[in-house]
All heavy atoms as atom14 arrays in JSON, in Angstrom:
{
  "sequence": "TRAPDLIEDQYKSQDDGAWYYQQIELGYNYRLSDLQAALGLTQLTKL",
  "atom14_mask": [
    [1, 1, 1, 1, 1, 1, 1, 0, 0, 0, 0, 0, 0, 0],
    [1, 1, 1, 1, 1, 1, 1, 1, 1, 1, 1, 0, 0, 0],
    [1, 1, 1, 1, 1, 0, 0, 0, 0, 0, 0, 0, 0, 0],
    [1, 1, 1, 1, 1, 1, 1, 0, 0, 0, 0, 0, 0, 0],
    [1, 1, 1, 1, 1, 1, 1, 1, 0, 0, 0, 0, 0, 0],
    [1, 1, 1, 1, 1, 1, 1, 1, 0, 0, 0, 0, 0, 0],
    [1, 1, 1, 1, 1, 1, 1, 1, 0, 0, 0, 0, 0, 0],
    [1, 1, 1, 1, 1, 1, 1, 1, 1, 0, 0, 0, 0, 0],
    [1, 1, 1, 1, 1, 1, 1, 1, 0, 0, 0, 0, 0, 0],
    [1, 1, 1, 1, 1, 1, 1, 1, 1, 0, 0, 0, 0, 0],
    [1, 1, 1, 1, 1, 1, 1, 1, 1, 1, 1, 1, 0, 0],
    [1, 1, 1, 1, 1, 1, 1, 1, 1, 0, 0, 0, 0, 0],
    [1, 1, 1, 1, 1, 1, 0, 0, 0, 0, 0, 0, 0, 0],
    [1, 1, 1, 1, 1, 1, 1, 1, 1, 0, 0, 0, 0, 0],
    [1, 1, 1, 1, 1, 1, 1, 1, 0, 0, 0, 0, 0, 0],
    [1, 1, 1, 1, 1, 1, 1, 1, 0, 0, 0, 0, 0, 0],
    [1, 1, 1, 1, 0, 0, 0, 0, 0, 0, 0, 0, 0, 0],
    [1, 1, 1, 1, 1, 0, 0, 0, 0, 0, 0, 0, 0, 0],
    [1, 1, 1, 1, 1, 1, 1, 1, 1, 1, 1, 1, 1, 1],
    [1, 1, 1, 1, 1, 1, 1, 1, 1, 1, 1, 1, 0, 0],
    [1, 1, 1, 1, 1, 1, 1, 1, 1, 1, 1, 1, 0, 0],
    [1, 1, 1, 1, 1, 1, 1, 1, 1, 0, 0, 0, 0, 0],
    [1, 1, 1, 1, 1, 1, 1, 1, 1, 0, 0, 0, 0, 0],
    [1, 1, 1, 1, 1, 1, 1, 1, 0, 0, 0, 0, 0, 0],
    [1, 1, 1, 1, 1, 1, 1, 1, 1, 0, 0, 0, 0, 0],
    [1, 1, 1, 1, 1, 1, 1, 1, 0, 0, 0, 0, 0, 0],
    [1, 1, 1, 1, 0, 0, 0, 0, 0, 0, 0, 0, 0, 0],
    [1, 1, 1, 1, 1, 1, 1, 1, 1, 1, 1, 1, 0, 0],
    [1, 1, 1, 1, 1, 1, 1, 1, 0, 0, 0, 0, 0, 0],
    [1, 1, 1, 1, 1, 1, 1, 1, 1, 1, 1, 1, 0, 0],
    [1, 1, 1, 1, 1, 1, 1, 1, 1, 1, 1, 0, 0, 0],
    [1, 1, 1, 1, 1, 1, 1, 1, 0, 0, 0, 0, 0, 0],
    [1, 1, 1, 1, 1, 1, 0, 0, 0, 0, 0, 0, 0, 0],
    [1, 1, 1, 1, 1, 1, 1, 1, 0, 0, 0, 0, 0, 0],
    [1, 1, 1, 1, 1, 1, 1, 1, 0, 0, 0, 0, 0, 0],
    [1, 1, 1, 1, 1, 1, 1, 1, 1, 0, 0, 0, 0, 0],
    [1, 1, 1, 1, 1, 0, 0, 0, 0, 0, 0, 0, 0, 0],
    [1, 1, 1, 1, 1, 0, 0, 0, 0, 0, 0, 0, 0, 0],
    [1, 1, 1, 1, 1, 1, 1, 1, 0, 0, 0, 0, 0, 0],
    [1, 1, 1, 1, 0, 0, 0, 0, 0, 0, 0, 0, 0, 0],
    [1, 1, 1, 1, 1, 1, 1, 1, 0, 0, 0, 0, 0, 0],
    [1, 1, 1, 1, 1, 1, 1, 0, 0, 0, 0, 0, 0, 0],
    [1, 1, 1, 1, 1, 1, 1, 1, 1, 0, 0, 0, 0, 0],
    [1, 1, 1, 1, 1, 1, 1, 1, 0, 0, 0, 0, 0, 0],
    [1, 1, 1, 1, 1, 1, 1, 0, 0, 0, 0, 0, 0, 0],
    [1, 1, 1, 1, 1, 1, 1, 1, 1, 0, 0, 0, 0, 0],
    [1, 1, 1, 1, 1, 1, 1, 1, 0, 0, 0, 0, 0, 0]
  ],
  "atom14_positions": [
    [[-21.82, 1.38, -14.16], [-21.88, 1.18, -15.63], [-22.3, 2.36, -16.38], [-23.08, 3.11, -15.85], [-22.8, -0.08, -15.95], [-22.62, -0.33, -17.38], [-24.2, 0.14, -15.53], [0.0, 0.0, 0.0], [0.0, 0.0, 0.0], [0.0, 0.0, 0.0], [0.0, 0.0, 0.0], [0.0, 0.0, 0.0], [0.0, 0.0, 0.0], [0.0, 0.0, 0.0]],
    [[-21.88, 2.47, -17.57], [-22.43, 3.4, -18.58], [-23.14, 2.61, -19.72], [-23.59, 3.23, -20.68], [-21.34, 4.36, -19.11], [-20.87, 5.39, -18.18], [-19.98, 6.39, -18.86], [-19.71, 7.57, -18.16], [-18.72, 7.75, -17.29], [-17.88, 6.71, -17.1], [-18.58, 8.83, -16.66], [0.0, 0.0, 0.0], [0.0, 0.0, 0.0], [0.0, 0.0, 0.0]],
    [[-23.09, 1.36, -19.71], [-23.53, 0.51, -20.75], [-25.09, 0.73, -20.99], [-25.8, 0.53, -20.0], [-23.26, -0.98, -20.52], [0.0, 0.0, 0.0], [0.0, 0.0, 0.0], [0.0, 0.0, 0.0], [0.0, 0.0, 0.0], [0.0, 0.0, 0.0], [0.0, 0.0, 0.0], [0.0, 0.0, 0.0], [0.0, 0.0, 0.0], [0.0, 0.0, 0.0]],
    [[-25.52, 1.08, -22.14], [-27.01, 1.43, -22.38], [-27.75, 0.2, -22.05], [-29.01, 0.43, -21.59], [-27.01, 1.71, -23.87], [-25.67, 2.23, -24.23], [-24.71, 1.36, -23.37], [0.0, 0.0, 0.0], [0.0, 0.0, 0.0], [0.0, 0.0, 0.0], [0.0, 0.0, 0.0], [0.0, 0.0, 0.0], [0.0, 0.0, 0.0], [0.0, 0.0, 0.0]],
    [[-27.38, -0.99, -22.24], [-28.29, -2.19, -21.98], [-28.34, -2.48, -20.56], [-29.2, -3.32, -20.14], [-27.82, -3.38, -22.81], [-26.33, -3.8, -22.48], [-25.56, -2.88, -22.13], [-26.08, -5.04, -22.45], [0.0, 0.0, 0.0], [0.0, 0.0, 0.0], [0.0, 0.0, 0.0], [0.0, 0.0, 0.0], [0.0, 0.0, 0.0], [0.0, 0.0, 0.0]],
    [[-27.49, -1.87, -19.69], [-27.54, -2.07, -18.3], [-28.16, -0.94, -17.48], [-28.59, -1.1, -16.35], [-26.17, -2.44, -17.77], [-25.46, -3.7, -18.29], [-24.12, -3.82, -17.71], [-26.35, -4.95, -17.97], [0.0, 0.0, 0.0], [0.0, 0.0, 0.0], [0.0, 0.0, 0.0], [0.0, 0.0, 0.0], [0.0, 0.0, 0.0], [0.0, 0.0, 0.0]],
    [[-28.25, 0.25, -18.05], [-28.79, 1.4, -17.46], [-30.3, 1.21, -17.15], [-31.06, 0.73, -17.95], [-28.65, 2.7, -18.33], [-27.11, 3.09, -18.35], [-29.5, 3.8, -17.83], [-26.57, 3.67, -17.1], [0.0, 0.0, 0.0], [0.0, 0.0, 0.0], [0.0, 0.0, 0.0], [0.0, 0.0, 0.0], [0.0, 0.0, 0.0], [0.0, 0.0, 0.0]],
    [[-30.64, 1.52, -15.9], [-32.07, 1.4, -15.54], [-32.74, 2.66, -15.79], [-32.59, 3.66, -15.03], [-32.11, 0.96, -14.04], [-31.42, -0.38, -13.81], [-31.55, -0.79, -12.29], [-32.46, -0.32, -11.6], [-30.69, -1.62, -11.95], [0.0, 0.0, 0.0], [0.0, 0.0, 0.0], [0.0, 0.0, 0.0], [0.0, 0.0, 0.0], [0.0, 0.0, 0.0]],
    [[-33.59, 2.73, -16.8], [-34.09, 3.95, -17.38], [-35.01, 4.71, -16.34], [-35.09, 5.96, -16.4], [-34.93, 3.68, -18.59], [-34.05, 3.3, -19.8], [-32.85, 3.71, -19.8], [-34.5, 2.57, -20.69], [0.0, 0.0, 0.0], [0.0, 0.0, 0.0], [0.0, 0.0, 0.0], [0.0, 0.0, 0.0], [0.0, 0.0, 0.0], [0.0, 0.0, 0.0]],
    [[-35.66, 4.04, -15.42], [-36.59, 4.7, -14.52], [-35.87, 5.6, -13.52], [-36.47, 6.48, -12.93], [-37.44, 3.7, -13.76], [-36.61, 2.75, -12.68], [-36.22, 1.51, -13.36], [-35.83, 1.44, -14.54], [-36.13, 0.37, -12.58], [0.0, 0.0, 0.0], [0.0, 0.0, 0.0], [0.0, 0.0, 0.0], [0.0, 0.0, 0.0], [0.0, 0.0, 0.0]],
    [[-34.51, 5.43, -13.45], [-33.7, 6.29, -12.56], [-32.99, 7.38, -13.3], [-32.3, 8.23, -12.74], [-32.72, 5.44, -11.74], [-33.32, 4.45, -10.91], [-33.31, 3.04, -11.29], [-34.0, 4.76, -9.67], [-33.9, 2.07, -10.41], [-34.54, 3.84, -8.9], [-34.54, 2.52, -9.34], [-35.03, 1.51, -8.49], [0.0, 0.0, 0.0], [0.0, 0.0, 0.0]],
    [[-33.13, 7.43, -14.65], [-32.44, 8.41, -15.43], [-33.38, 9.57, -15.8], [-34.56, 9.29, -16.2], [-31.89, 7.75, -16.69], [-31.03, 8.66, -17.51], [-30.49, 7.91, -18.82], [-29.66, 8.85, -19.59], [-29.17, 8.25, -20.81], [0.0, 0.0, 0.0], [0.0, 0.0, 0.0], [0.0, 0.0, 0.0], [0.0, 0.0, 0.0], [0.0, 0.0, 0.0]],
    [[-32.95, 10.79, -15.72], [-33.72, 11.95, -16.13], [-33.33, 12.44, -17.54], [-32.24, 12.08, -17.93], [-33.58, 13.1, -15.06], [-32.35, 13.77, -15.18], [0.0, 0.0, 0.0], [0.0, 0.0, 0.0], [0.0, 0.0, 0.0], [0.0, 0.0, 0.0], [0.0, 0.0, 0.0], [0.0, 0.0, 0.0], [0.0, 0.0, 0.0], [0.0, 0.0, 0.0]],
    [[-34.17, 13.27, -18.06], [-33.89, 13.8, -19.41], [-32.72, 14.79, -19.31], [-32.09, 15.07, -20.39], [-35.12, 14.6, -19.88], [-36.23, 13.71, -20.15], [-37.43, 14.41, -20.77], [-37.64, 15.67, -20.64], [-38.46, 13.72, -21.31], [0.0, 0.0, 0.0], [0.0, 0.0, 0.0], [0.0, 0.0, 0.0], [0.0, 0.0, 0.0], [0.0, 0.0, 0.0]],
    [[-32.32, 15.28, -18.2], [-31.21, 16.16, -18.08], [-29.9, 15.54, -17.94], [-28.85, 16.19, -17.98], [-31.45, 17.06, -16.82], [-32.65, 17.96, -16.92], [-32.98, 18.32, -18.12], [-33.22, 18.22, -15.9], [0.0, 0.0, 0.0], [0.0, 0.0, 0.0], [0.0, 0.0, 0.0], [0.0, 0.0, 0.0], [0.0, 0.0, 0.0], [0.0, 0.0, 0.0]],
    [[-29.8, 14.16, -17.86], [-28.61, 13.51, -17.78], [-27.86, 13.36, -19.12], [-28.54, 12.88, -20.08], [-28.82, 12.09, -17.22], [-29.26, 12.15, -15.7], [-28.66, 13.01, -14.98], [-30.12, 11.34, -15.31], [0.0, 0.0, 0.0], [0.0, 0.0, 0.0], [0.0, 0.0, 0.0], [0.0, 0.0, 0.0], [0.0, 0.0, 0.0], [0.0, 0.0, 0.0]],
    [[-26.59, 13.75, -19.18], [-25.93, 13.71, -20.42], [-24.96, 12.6, -20.6], [-25.04, 11.57, -19.91], [0.0, 0.0, 0.0], [0.0, 0.0, 0.0], [0.0, 0.0, 0.0], [0.0, 0.0, 0.0], [0.0, 0.0, 0.0], [0.0, 0.0, 0.0], [0.0, 0.0, 0.0], [0.0, 0.0, 0.0], [0.0, 0.0, 0.0], [0.0, 0.0, 0.0]],
    [[-23.9, 12.9, -21.42], [-22.94, 11.8, -21.77], [-22.13, 11.38, -20.53], [-21.52, 10.31, -20.56], [-22.02, 12.39, -22.93], [0.0, 0.0, 0.0], [0.0, 0.0, 0.0], [0.0, 0.0, 0.0], [0.0, 0.0, 0.0], [0.0, 0.0, 0.0], [0.0, 0.0, 0.0], [0.0, 0.0, 0.0], [0.0, 0.0, 0.0], [0.0, 0.0, 0.0]],
    [[-22.09, 12.22, -19.6], [-21.29, 11.9, -18.32], [-22.04, 10.85, -17.48], [-21.4, 10.3, -16.53], [-21.16, 13.16, -17.43], [-22.49, 13.69, -16.9], [-23.16, 13.28, -15.81], [-23.35, 14.59, -17.52], [-24.36, 13.86, -15.6], [-24.48, 14.73, -16.71], [-23.27, 15.46, -18.71], [-25.56, 15.63, -17.03], [-24.28, 16.3, -19.01], [-25.4, 16.37, -18.2]],
    [[-23.21, 10.5, -17.75], [-24.1, 9.83, -16.88], [-23.58, 8.31, -16.69], [-23.25, 7.67, -17.59], [-25.53, 9.83, -17.37], [-26.55, 9.19, -16.4], [-26.88, 9.8, -15.2], [-27.1, 7.99, -16.71], [-27.78, 9.28, -14.36], [-28.09, 7.4, -15.78], [-28.36, 8.1, -14.65], [-29.29, 7.49, -13.77], [0.0, 0.0, 0.0], [0.0, 0.0, 0.0]],
    [[-23.68, 7.89, -15.45], [-23.4, 6.47, -15.07], [-24.32, 6.04, -13.93], [-24.92, 6.97, -13.27], [-21.93, 6.24, -14.72], [-21.51, 7.02, -13.45], [-21.65, 6.52, -12.23], [-20.9, 8.26, -13.63], [-21.33, 7.26, -11.12], [-20.52, 9.04, -12.55], [-20.71, 8.46, -11.24], [-20.36, 9.19, -10.1], [0.0, 0.0, 0.0], [0.0, 0.0, 0.0]],
    [[-24.42, 4.81, -13.76], [-25.32, 4.3, -12.66], [-24.48, 3.22, -11.86], [-23.78, 2.44, -12.42], [-26.57, 3.64, -13.12], [-27.64, 4.64, -13.59], [-28.9, 3.92, -14.0], [-29.0, 2.68, -14.17], [-29.95, 4.73, -14.27], [0.0, 0.0, 0.0], [0.0, 0.0, 0.0], [0.0, 0.0, 0.0], [0.0, 0.0, 0.0], [0.0, 0.0, 0.0]],
    [[-24.73, 3.23, -10.56], [-24.19, 2.06, -9.78], [-25.48, 1.18, -9.65], [-26.5, 1.51, -9.0], [-23.79, 2.46, -8.41], [-23.32, 1.21, -7.56], [-23.03, 1.51, -6.12], [-22.84, 2.69, -5.75], [-23.01, 0.45, -5.32], [0.0, 0.0, 0.0], [0.0, 0.0, 0.0], [0.0, 0.0, 0.0], [0.0, 0.0, 0.0], [0.0, 0.0, 0.0]],
    [[-25.35, -0.07, -10.11], [-26.5, -1.01, -10.11], [-26.22, -2.26, -9.23], [-27.06, -3.1, -9.14], [-26.97, -1.34, -11.5], [-25.88, -2.04, -12.33], [-27.45, -0.11, -12.28], [-26.31, -2.52, -13.7], [0.0, 0.0, 0.0], [0.0, 0.0, 0.0], [0.0, 0.0, 0.0], [0.0, 0.0, 0.0], [0.0, 0.0, 0.0], [0.0, 0.0, 0.0]],
    [[-24.93, -2.38, -8.86], [-24.58, -3.51, -7.89], [-23.65, -2.94, -6.89], [-23.08, -1.8, -7.08], [-23.86, -4.65, -8.71], [-24.71, -5.4, -9.63], [-25.62, -6.39, -9.05], [-25.62, -6.43, -7.69], [-26.39, -7.15, -9.69], [0.0, 0.0, 0.0], [0.0, 0.0, 0.0], [0.0, 0.0, 0.0], [0.0, 0.0, 0.0], [0.0, 0.0, 0.0]],
    [[-23.43, -3.6, -5.83], [-22.46, -3.27, -4.76], [-21.13, -3.91, -5.2], [-20.88, -5.09, -4.89], [-22.85, -3.69, -3.36], [-21.88, -3.29, -2.24], [-21.69, -1.75, -2.16], [-22.4, -3.93, -0.88], [0.0, 0.0, 0.0], [0.0, 0.0, 0.0], [0.0, 0.0, 0.0], [0.0, 0.0, 0.0], [0.0, 0.0, 0.0], [0.0, 0.0, 0.0]],
    [[-20.34, -3.08, -5.89], [-19.1, -3.72, -6.49], [-17.84, -3.29, -5.7], [-18.02, -2.66, -4.68], [0.0, 0.0, 0.0], [0.0, 0.0, 0.0], [0.0, 0.0, 0.0], [0.0, 0.0, 0.0], [0.0, 0.0, 0.0], [0.0, 0.0, 0.0], [0.0, 0.0, 0.0], [0.0, 0.0, 0.0], [0.0, 0.0, 0.0], [0.0, 0.0, 0.0]],
    [[-16.73, -3.61, -6.28], [-15.42, -3.45, -5.6], [-14.47, -2.77, -6.64], [-14.7, -2.79, -7.87], [-14.84, -4.73, -5.1], [-15.75, -5.47, -4.13], [-16.88, -6.19, -4.53], [-15.45, -5.31, -2.77], [-17.68, -6.76, -3.6], [-16.3, -5.97, -1.89], [-17.39, -6.68, -2.31], [-18.19, -7.3, -1.35], [0.0, 0.0, 0.0], [0.0, 0.0, 0.0]],
    [[-13.46, -2.21, -6.08], [-12.44, -1.58, -6.99], [-11.29, -2.69, -7.17], [-10.29, -2.69, -6.45], [-11.81, -0.3, -6.34], [-10.85, 0.33, -7.28], [-10.63, -0.13, -8.46], [-10.08, 1.26, -6.77], [0.0, 0.0, 0.0], [0.0, 0.0, 0.0], [0.0, 0.0, 0.0], [0.0, 0.0, 0.0], [0.0, 0.0, 0.0], [0.0, 0.0, 0.0]],
    [[-11.57, -3.62, -8.15], [-10.52, -4.56, -8.34], [-9.93, -4.48, -9.74], [-9.47, -5.38, -10.29], [-11.34, -5.94, -8.43], [-11.79, -6.51, -7.0], [-12.69, -7.55, -6.85], [-11.26, -6.05, -5.81], [-13.08, -8.01, -5.64], [-11.48, -6.53, -4.59], [-12.43, -7.48, -4.52], [-12.77, -8.04, -3.24], [0.0, 0.0, 0.0], [0.0, 0.0, 0.0]],
    [[-9.85, -3.3, -10.25], [-9.33, -3.01, -11.55], [-7.78, -3.28, -11.63], [-7.07, -3.1, -10.65], [-9.57, -1.64, -12.04], [-10.95, -1.21, -12.37], [-10.97, 0.16, -12.98], [-10.41, 1.15, -12.1], [-11.08, 2.21, -11.54], [-12.4, 2.25, -11.62], [-10.44, 3.1, -10.87], [0.0, 0.0, 0.0], [0.0, 0.0, 0.0], [0.0, 0.0, 0.0]],
    [[-7.38, -3.8, -12.78], [-6.0, -3.84, -13.05], [-5.52, -2.51, -13.76], [-6.33, -1.99, -14.51], [-5.72, -5.02, -14.12], [-4.3, -5.41, -14.44], [-3.78, -6.23, -13.21], [-4.17, -6.35, -15.62], [0.0, 0.0, 0.0], [0.0, 0.0, 0.0], [0.0, 0.0, 0.0], [0.0, 0.0, 0.0], [0.0, 0.0, 0.0], [0.0, 0.0, 0.0]],
    [[-4.32, -2.1, -13.5], [-3.83, -0.91, -14.09], [-3.23, -1.14, -15.53], [-2.9, -2.29, -15.89], [-2.71, -0.25, -13.21], [-1.44, -0.98, -13.38], [0.0, 0.0, 0.0], [0.0, 0.0, 0.0], [0.0, 0.0, 0.0], [0.0, 0.0, 0.0], [0.0, 0.0, 0.0], [0.0, 0.0, 0.0], [0.0, 0.0, 0.0], [0.0, 0.0, 0.0]],
    [[-3.17, -0.14, -16.3], [-2.6, -0.2, -17.62], [-1.08, -0.58, -17.57], [-0.55, -1.19, -18.53], [-2.86, 0.99, -18.46], [-4.3, 1.03, -18.95], [-5.26, 0.98, -18.15], [-4.54, 1.11, -20.19], [0.0, 0.0, 0.0], [0.0, 0.0, 0.0], [0.0, 0.0, 0.0], [0.0, 0.0, 0.0], [0.0, 0.0, 0.0], [0.0, 0.0, 0.0]],
    [[-0.45, -0.13, -16.55], [1.02, -0.46, -16.36], [1.13, -2.0, -16.25], [1.98, -2.7, -16.95], [1.51, 0.1, -15.14], [1.78, 1.62, -15.02], [2.23, 2.05, -13.7], [2.92, 1.96, -16.05], [0.0, 0.0, 0.0], [0.0, 0.0, 0.0], [0.0, 0.0, 0.0], [0.0, 0.0, 0.0], [0.0, 0.0, 0.0], [0.0, 0.0, 0.0]],
    [[0.28, -2.59, -15.47], [0.29, -4.02, -15.31], [-0.07, -4.75, -16.54], [0.48, -5.83, -16.92], [-0.58, -4.44, -14.13], [-0.1, -3.94, -12.75], [-1.2, -4.09, -11.69], [-2.19, -3.55, -11.84], [-0.84, -4.89, -10.67], [0.0, 0.0, 0.0], [0.0, 0.0, 0.0], [0.0, 0.0, 0.0], [0.0, 0.0, 0.0], [0.0, 0.0, 0.0]],
    [[-1.15, -4.25, -17.29], [-1.57, -4.89, -18.58], [-0.46, -4.81, -19.54], [-0.31, -5.8, -20.31], [-2.83, -4.15, -18.98], [0.0, 0.0, 0.0], [0.0, 0.0, 0.0], [0.0, 0.0, 0.0], [0.0, 0.0, 0.0], [0.0, 0.0, 0.0], [0.0, 0.0, 0.0], [0.0, 0.0, 0.0], [0.0, 0.0, 0.0], [0.0, 0.0, 0.0]],
    [[0.3, -3.72, -19.58], [1.37, -3.67, -20.64], [2.44, -4.74, -20.34], [2.96, -5.34, -21.3], [1.99, -2.25, -20.61], [0.0, 0.0, 0.0], [0.0, 0.0, 0.0], [0.0, 0.0, 0.0], [0.0, 0.0, 0.0], [0.0, 0.0, 0.0], [0.0, 0.0, 0.0], [0.0, 0.0, 0.0], [0.0, 0.0, 0.0], [0.0, 0.0, 0.0]],
    [[2.73, -4.93, -19.08], [3.65, -5.98, -18.69], [3.08, -7.39, -19.06], [3.77, -8.24, -19.66], [3.97, -5.95, -17.22], [4.86, -7.05, -16.61], [6.17, -7.12, -17.39], [5.08, -6.78, -15.14], [0.0, 0.0, 0.0], [0.0, 0.0, 0.0], [0.0, 0.0, 0.0], [0.0, 0.0, 0.0], [0.0, 0.0, 0.0], [0.0, 0.0, 0.0]],
    [[1.78, -7.54, -18.82], [1.22, -8.85, -19.18], [1.18, -9.13, -20.66], [1.33, -10.21, -21.03], [0.0, 0.0, 0.0], [0.0, 0.0, 0.0], [0.0, 0.0, 0.0], [0.0, 0.0, 0.0], [0.0, 0.0, 0.0], [0.0, 0.0, 0.0], [0.0, 0.0, 0.0], [0.0, 0.0, 0.0], [0.0, 0.0, 0.0], [0.0, 0.0, 0.0]],
    [[0.98, -8.06, -21.42], [0.93, -8.33, -22.92], [2.33, -8.79, -23.44], [2.38, -9.74, -24.25], [0.58, -6.99, -23.61], [-0.9, -6.62, -23.63], [-1.11, -5.16, -23.96], [-1.66, -7.48, -24.72], [0.0, 0.0, 0.0], [0.0, 0.0, 0.0], [0.0, 0.0, 0.0], [0.0, 0.0, 0.0], [0.0, 0.0, 0.0], [0.0, 0.0, 0.0]],
    [[3.3, -8.23, -22.96], [4.71, -8.69, -23.42], [5.06, -10.03, -22.8], [5.62, -10.89, -23.49], [5.78, -7.68, -23.12], [5.82, -7.38, -21.66], [5.59, -6.43, -23.87], [0.0, 0.0, 0.0], [0.0, 0.0, 0.0], [0.0, 0.0, 0.0], [0.0, 0.0, 0.0], [0.0, 0.0, 0.0], [0.0, 0.0, 0.0], [0.0, 0.0, 0.0]],
    [[4.63, -10.29, -21.64], [4.94, -11.54, -20.94], [4.12, -12.67, -21.74], [4.65, -13.79, -22.0], [4.44, -11.56, -19.51], [5.31, -10.8, -18.53], [6.3, -11.72, -17.96], [6.02, -12.65, -17.22], [7.55, -11.4, -18.3], [0.0, 0.0, 0.0], [0.0, 0.0, 0.0], [0.0, 0.0, 0.0], [0.0, 0.0, 0.0], [0.0, 0.0, 0.0]],
    [[2.9, -12.32, -22.14], [2.07, -13.35, -22.84], [2.7, -13.83, -24.18], [2.65, -15.03, -24.48], [0.73, -12.86, -23.05], [-0.37, -13.77, -23.7], [-0.54, -14.99, -22.73], [-1.73, -13.13, -23.96], [0.0, 0.0, 0.0], [0.0, 0.0, 0.0], [0.0, 0.0, 0.0], [0.0, 0.0, 0.0], [0.0, 0.0, 0.0], [0.0, 0.0, 0.0]],
    [[3.49, -12.94, -24.79], [4.2, -13.37, -26.03], [5.15, -14.48, -25.77], [5.68, -15.05, -26.72], [4.79, -12.17, -26.8], [5.77, -11.6, -25.97], [3.73, -11.09, -27.06], [0.0, 0.0, 0.0], [0.0, 0.0, 0.0], [0.0, 0.0, 0.0], [0.0, 0.0, 0.0], [0.0, 0.0, 0.0], [0.0, 0.0, 0.0], [0.0, 0.0, 0.0]],
    [[5.75, -14.49, -24.51], [6.76, -15.44, -24.17], [6.26, -16.65, -23.44], [7.03, -17.52, -23.07], [7.81, -14.78, -23.35], [8.6, -13.66, -24.11], [9.4, -12.75, -23.18], [8.53, -11.67, -22.58], [9.27, -10.59, -21.93], [0.0, 0.0, 0.0], [0.0, 0.0, 0.0], [0.0, 0.0, 0.0], [0.0, 0.0, 0.0], [0.0, 0.0, 0.0]],
    [[4.91, -16.8, -23.3], [4.43, -17.83, -22.43], [4.7, -19.27, -22.96], [5.13, -20.06, -22.21], [2.88, -17.7, -22.27], [2.17, -18.81, -21.56], [2.69, -18.9, -20.11], [0.64, -18.55, -21.52], [0.0, 0.0, 0.0], [0.0, 0.0, 0.0], [0.0, 0.0, 0.0], [0.0, 0.0, 0.0], [0.0, 0.0, 0.0], [0.0, 0.0, 0.0]]
  ]
}
């Protein structure tokens, strides 16, 4: 996450910039692609 309300400040240093992110859970790569989402958007109009 990069969300400010989820970042654990005790692990962040003053030198960390806008690129900074943290892993705070053991997650998975379950993302949907934008290609698929574009198809879903047009499909939804016909549902």
